[in-house]
């Protein structure tokens, strides 16, 4: 996926509740930028960190920039989760998603669909279906990216819906996207958020499947390029 405009580089001066950054551009101008609310345990938005901003040309938007990437400890991290579906769609069209090789069609689900908590639907001519929640994970410990680091109300509701879908004979997946290039594998952790880990472990025992994919990133683009092992 190529970014829709040339990114602007700056340095983080301060962060407000993990939602708004003050950024000093290379020109010396200080601008405000929207950034996604990630798990605060990751400390991604530290003062002095280089950040790449995408100009926001939408009308009636008070913030003219959106934070897209940061350089954390010498590695680029795609911090915007808004492009997960595009990345998966492009990877599927390239034949990179081995778990979904028996499916021929991929559709992004919309607000009017009966399935509320998946964001992707795979299907084929035999009317086989897989419902997928594609989500980016960022939290690195040692050589690996780790999960789960939290569990929100949306995801709790998703587990219930996915259990009903499995009873109807459909596959359900959580597809973990790792938008950083400095991790070897994906590691399931019991210690970061034990309650979330216990719930996910139970869902996996009951048939919820997990898969993970890594990306390559540069100043102009990000692409899913390889499958990643999930270590339990």
Protein backbone atom coordinates (compact mmCIF):
# COMPACT_ATOMS: atom_id res chain seq x y z
CA UNK A 1 0.00 0.00 0.00
CA UNK A 2 1.40 3.35 -1.03
CA UNK A 3 0.58 6.32 1.14
CA UNK A 4 -1.87 8.76 -0.43
CA UNK A 5 0.50 11.73 -0.16
CA UNK A 6 4.12 12.46 0.63
CA UNK A 7 4.72 12.11 4.36
CA UNK A 8 6.10 14.99 6.43
CA UNK A 9 8.82 14.23 8.99
CA UNK A 10 9.03 15.86 12.40
CA UNK A 11 10.01 15.34 16.02
CA UNK A 12 7.54 14.77 18.86
CA UNK A 13 7.52 17.61 21.40
CA UNK A 14 4.65 16.39 23.59
CA UNK A 15 1.70 14.01 23.61
CA UNK A 16 -1.80 14.64 24.94
CA UNK A 17 -3.58 11.48 26.20
CA UNK A 18 -2.12 9.39 23.35
CA UNK A 19 -4.43 11.20 20.91
CA UNK A 20 -2.78 14.45 19.85
CA UNK A 21 0.89 15.15 19.24
CA UNK A 22 2.72 18.44 19.06
CA UNK A 23 5.33 17.92 16.35
CA UNK A 24 8.21 20.14 15.28
CA UNK A 25 8.70 19.78 11.53
CA UNK A 26 12.12 19.94 9.89
CA UNK A 27 11.20 23.48 8.81
CA UNK A 28 10.91 24.50 12.47
CA UNK A 29 7.12 24.87 12.34
CA UNK A 30 5.21 23.25 15.21
CA UNK A 31 1.96 21.49 14.21
CA UNK A 32 -0.69 19.38 15.95
CA UNK A 33 -1.33 15.87 14.62
CA UNK A 34 -3.92 13.23 15.41
CA UNK A 35 -2.51 9.86 16.45
CA UNK A 36 -4.31 6.60 17.23
CA UNK A 37 -4.84 5.67 20.86
CA UNK A 38 -2.59 2.67 21.39
CA UNK A 39 -1.77 0.77 24.55
CA UNK A 40 0.00 3.27 26.82
CA UNK A 41 2.34 0.53 28.09
CA UNK A 42 4.26 0.72 24.82
CA UNK A 43 5.53 4.29 25.36
CA UNK A 44 5.65 4.85 21.61
CA UNK A 45 5.03 8.59 21.67
CA UNK A 46 8.07 9.68 23.66
CA UNK A 47 9.53 13.18 23.37
CA UNK A 48 12.18 13.42 20.66
CA UNK A 49 10.90 10.47 18.62
CA UNK A 50 10.81 10.99 14.86
CA UNK A 51 7.31 10.80 13.43
CA UNK A 52 5.96 10.73 9.86
CA UNK A 53 2.76 12.71 9.27
CA UNK A 54 0.20 12.41 6.49
CA UNK A 55 -1.38 15.75 5.48
CA UNK A 56 -5.12 15.66 6.14
CA UNK A 57 -7.07 17.41 3.39
CA UNK A 58 -10.56 16.63 4.67
CA UNK A 59 -12.78 19.64 5.22
CA UNK A 60 -13.90 20.61 8.74
CA UNK A 61 -11.00 18.74 10.30
CA UNK A 62 -9.25 20.80 12.96
CA UNK A 63 -6.03 18.77 12.78
CA UNK A 64 -4.23 19.07 9.46
CA UNK A 65 -1.99 16.03 10.01
CA UNK A 66 -2.36 12.37 10.96
CA UNK A 67 0.54 10.45 12.51
CA UNK A 68 1.35 7.43 10.36
CA UNK A 69 4.76 6.11 11.46
CA UNK A 70 7.36 6.58 14.17
CA UNK A 71 11.02 5.63 14.40
CA UNK A 72 11.30 3.77 17.70
CA UNK A 73 14.76 2.55 18.70
CA UNK A 74 15.91 2.68 15.09
CA UNK A 75 12.94 0.81 13.60
CA UNK A 76 9.97 2.17 11.66
CA UNK A 77 6.56 1.36 13.17
CA UNK A 78 3.30 1.97 11.32
CA UNK A 79 1.13 3.37 14.13
CA UNK A 80 -2.11 4.02 12.24
CA UNK A 81 -4.54 1.05 12.41
CA UNK A 82 -6.80 2.53 9.73
CA UNK A 83 -5.24 0.61 6.85
CA UNK A 84 -5.46 -2.97 8.14
CA UNK A 85 -8.19 -4.01 5.72
CA UNK A 86 -6.34 -2.55 2.72
CA UNK A 87 -3.15 -4.40 3.67
CA UNK A 88 -4.99 -7.72 4.03
CA UNK A 89 -6.82 -7.24 0.73
CA UNK A 90 -3.59 -6.56 -1.15
CA UNK A 91 -1.87 -9.56 0.47
CA UNK A 92 -4.83 -11.81 -0.43
CA UNK A 93 -4.70 -10.69 -4.06
CA UNK A 94 -0.99 -11.58 -4.12
CA UNK A 95 -1.70 -15.06 -2.72
CA UNK A 96 0.23 -14.45 0.51
CA UNK A 97 -2.46 -15.51 2.99
CA UNK A 98 -1.98 -19.28 3.19
CA UNK A 99 -4.76 -19.81 5.74
CA UNK A 100 -7.29 -18.48 3.24
CA UNK A 101 -6.07 -20.18 0.07
CA UNK A 102 -9.35 -22.07 -0.43
CA UNK A 103 -11.29 -18.83 -0.62
CA UNK A 104 -11.62 -16.86 -3.86
CA UNK A 105 -13.38 -13.70 -2.70
CA UNK A 106 -12.65 -11.14 -0.01
CA UNK A 107 -15.13 -8.49 1.06
CA UNK A 108 -14.75 -5.68 3.58
CA UNK A 109 -17.78 -5.73 5.85
CA UNK A 110 -19.84 -2.59 6.30
CA UNK A 111 -22.09 -1.16 9.01
CA UNK A 112 -25.23 -2.59 7.41
CA UNK A 113 -24.00 -6.20 7.43
CA UNK A 114 -25.49 -8.73 9.85
CA UNK A 115 -22.03 -9.63 11.14
CA UNK A 116 -21.09 -6.69 13.33
CA UNK A 117 -17.66 -7.41 14.78
CA UNK A 118 -15.67 -8.96 11.92
CA UNK A 119 -14.18 -6.54 9.42
CA UNK A 120 -13.48 -9.03 6.61
CA UNK A 121 -15.41 -11.86 4.97
CA UNK A 122 -13.75 -14.57 2.84
CA UNK A 123 -15.90 -16.82 0.66
CA UNK A 124 -15.85 -19.21 -2.29
CA UNK A 125 -18.21 -20.78 -4.83
CA UNK A 126 -19.05 -23.61 -2.41
CA UNK A 127 -20.53 -21.03 -0.02
CA UNK A 128 -17.79 -21.57 2.52
CA UNK A 129 -17.21 -18.50 4.65
CA UNK A 130 -14.55 -17.23 7.03
CA UNK A 131 -15.10 -14.16 9.16
CA UNK A 132 -11.98 -12.29 10.18
CA UNK A 133 -11.07 -9.58 12.64
CA UNK A 134 -7.85 -8.01 11.31
CA UNK A 135 -5.98 -5.96 13.90
CA UNK A 136 -2.51 -4.44 14.22
CA UNK A 137 -0.36 -5.27 17.25
CA UNK A 138 2.70 -3.26 18.27
CA UNK A 139 3.88 -4.19 21.75
CA UNK A 140 7.44 -5.56 21.57
CA UNK A 141 9.25 -7.46 24.34
CA UNK A 142 12.69 -8.85 23.58
CA UNK A 143 12.83 -10.11 20.01
CA UNK A 144 9.07 -10.65 19.63
CA UNK A 145 5.86 -8.70 19.37
CA UNK A 146 3.53 -9.82 22.17
CA UNK A 147 -0.22 -10.02 22.74
CA UNK A 148 -2.65 -9.51 24.36
CA UNK A 149 -1.89 -6.25 26.12
CA UNK A 150 -5.56 -5.32 26.66
CA UNK A 151 -9.08 -6.50 25.84
CA UNK A 152 -11.83 -3.98 25.16
CA UNK A 153 -15.62 -4.20 25.10
CA UNK A 154 -15.67 -4.45 21.31
CA UNK A 155 -13.46 -7.52 21.34
CA UNK A 156 -15.45 -9.15 24.15
CA UNK A 157 -18.60 -8.76 22.04
CA UNK A 158 -16.73 -10.08 19.00
CA UNK A 159 -15.92 -13.33 20.81
CA UNK A 160 -19.62 -13.98 21.41
CA UNK A 161 -20.55 -13.29 17.80
CA UNK A 162 -17.70 -15.43 16.49
CA UNK A 163 -18.80 -18.35 18.69
CA UNK A 164 -22.28 -18.15 17.12
CA UNK A 165 -20.76 -18.05 13.63
CA UNK A 166 -18.74 -21.21 14.35
CA UNK A 167 -21.94 -22.96 15.44
CA UNK A 168 -23.32 -22.14 11.98
CA UNK A 169 -20.32 -23.84 10.37
CA UNK A 170 -18.23 -20.80 9.50
CA UNK A 171 -14.54 -20.28 10.21
CA UNK A 172 -13.51 -17.41 12.46
CA UNK A 173 -10.05 -15.84 12.63
CA UNK A 174 -8.17 -13.11 14.37
CA UNK A 175 -5.52 -11.94 11.89
CA UNK A 176 -2.67 -10.19 13.67
CA UNK A 177 -0.77 -7.64 11.58
CA UNK A 178 2.70 -6.67 12.82
CA UNK A 179 3.44 -3.24 11.25
CA UNK A 180 7.08 -3.13 12.32
CA UNK A 181 10.21 -4.85 10.99
CA UNK A 182 12.13 -5.50 14.21
CA UNK A 183 10.28 -8.59 15.51
CA UNK A 184 11.09 -12.27 14.90
CA UNK A 185 7.83 -13.90 15.98
CA UNK A 186 4.48 -13.22 17.67
CA UNK A 187 4.36 -14.33 21.30
CA UNK A 188 1.24 -15.04 23.32
CA UNK A 189 1.84 -13.68 26.82
CA UNK A 190 0.10 -14.57 30.08
CA UNK A 191 1.79 -11.83 32.08
CA UNK A 192 0.91 -8.49 30.44
CA UNK A 193 -2.87 -8.74 30.95
CA UNK A 194 -3.74 -12.13 32.53
CA UNK A 195 -7.52 -11.67 32.33
CA UNK A 196 -7.37 -10.96 28.59
CA UNK A 197 -4.95 -13.84 28.06
CA UNK A 198 -7.27 -16.29 29.85
CA UNK A 199 -10.25 -15.24 27.73
CA UNK A 200 -8.30 -15.51 24.48
CA UNK A 201 -6.94 -18.91 25.52
CA UNK A 202 -10.51 -20.14 26.13
CA UNK A 203 -11.70 -18.81 22.77
CA UNK A 204 -8.80 -20.56 21.00
CA UNK A 205 -9.73 -23.85 22.67
CA UNK A 206 -13.30 -23.35 21.43
CA UNK A 207 -12.27 -22.94 17.80
CA UNK A 208 -11.24 -19.32 17.26
CA UNK A 209 -8.16 -19.38 15.01
CA UNK A 210 -5.22 -16.99 15.03
CA UNK A 211 -2.70 -16.14 12.33
CA UNK A 212 -0.06 -13.45 12.01
CA UNK A 213 1.71 -11.54 9.26
CA UNK A 214 4.66 -9.18 9.15
CA UNK A 215 5.25 -6.14 6.98
CA UNK A 216 7.93 -4.23 5.16
CA UNK A 217 7.86 -0.45 5.63
CA UNK A 218 9.58 2.51 4.03
CA UNK A 219 8.92 6.23 3.68
CA UNK A 220 6.41 5.69 0.88
CA UNK A 221 4.62 2.42 1.54
CA UNK A 222 3.78 -0.53 3.77
CA UNK A 223 3.01 -4.07 2.62
CA UNK A 224 2.29 -7.43 4.22
CA UNK A 225 5.11 -9.66 3.02
CA UNK A 226 5.44 -12.76 5.21
CA UNK A 227 3.72 -15.10 7.62
CA UNK A 228 4.89 -14.97 11.25
CA UNK A 229 4.94 -17.79 13.78
CA UNK A 230 2.71 -17.45 16.85
CA UNK A 231 4.45 -18.83 19.92
CA UNK A 232 2.31 -20.10 22.80
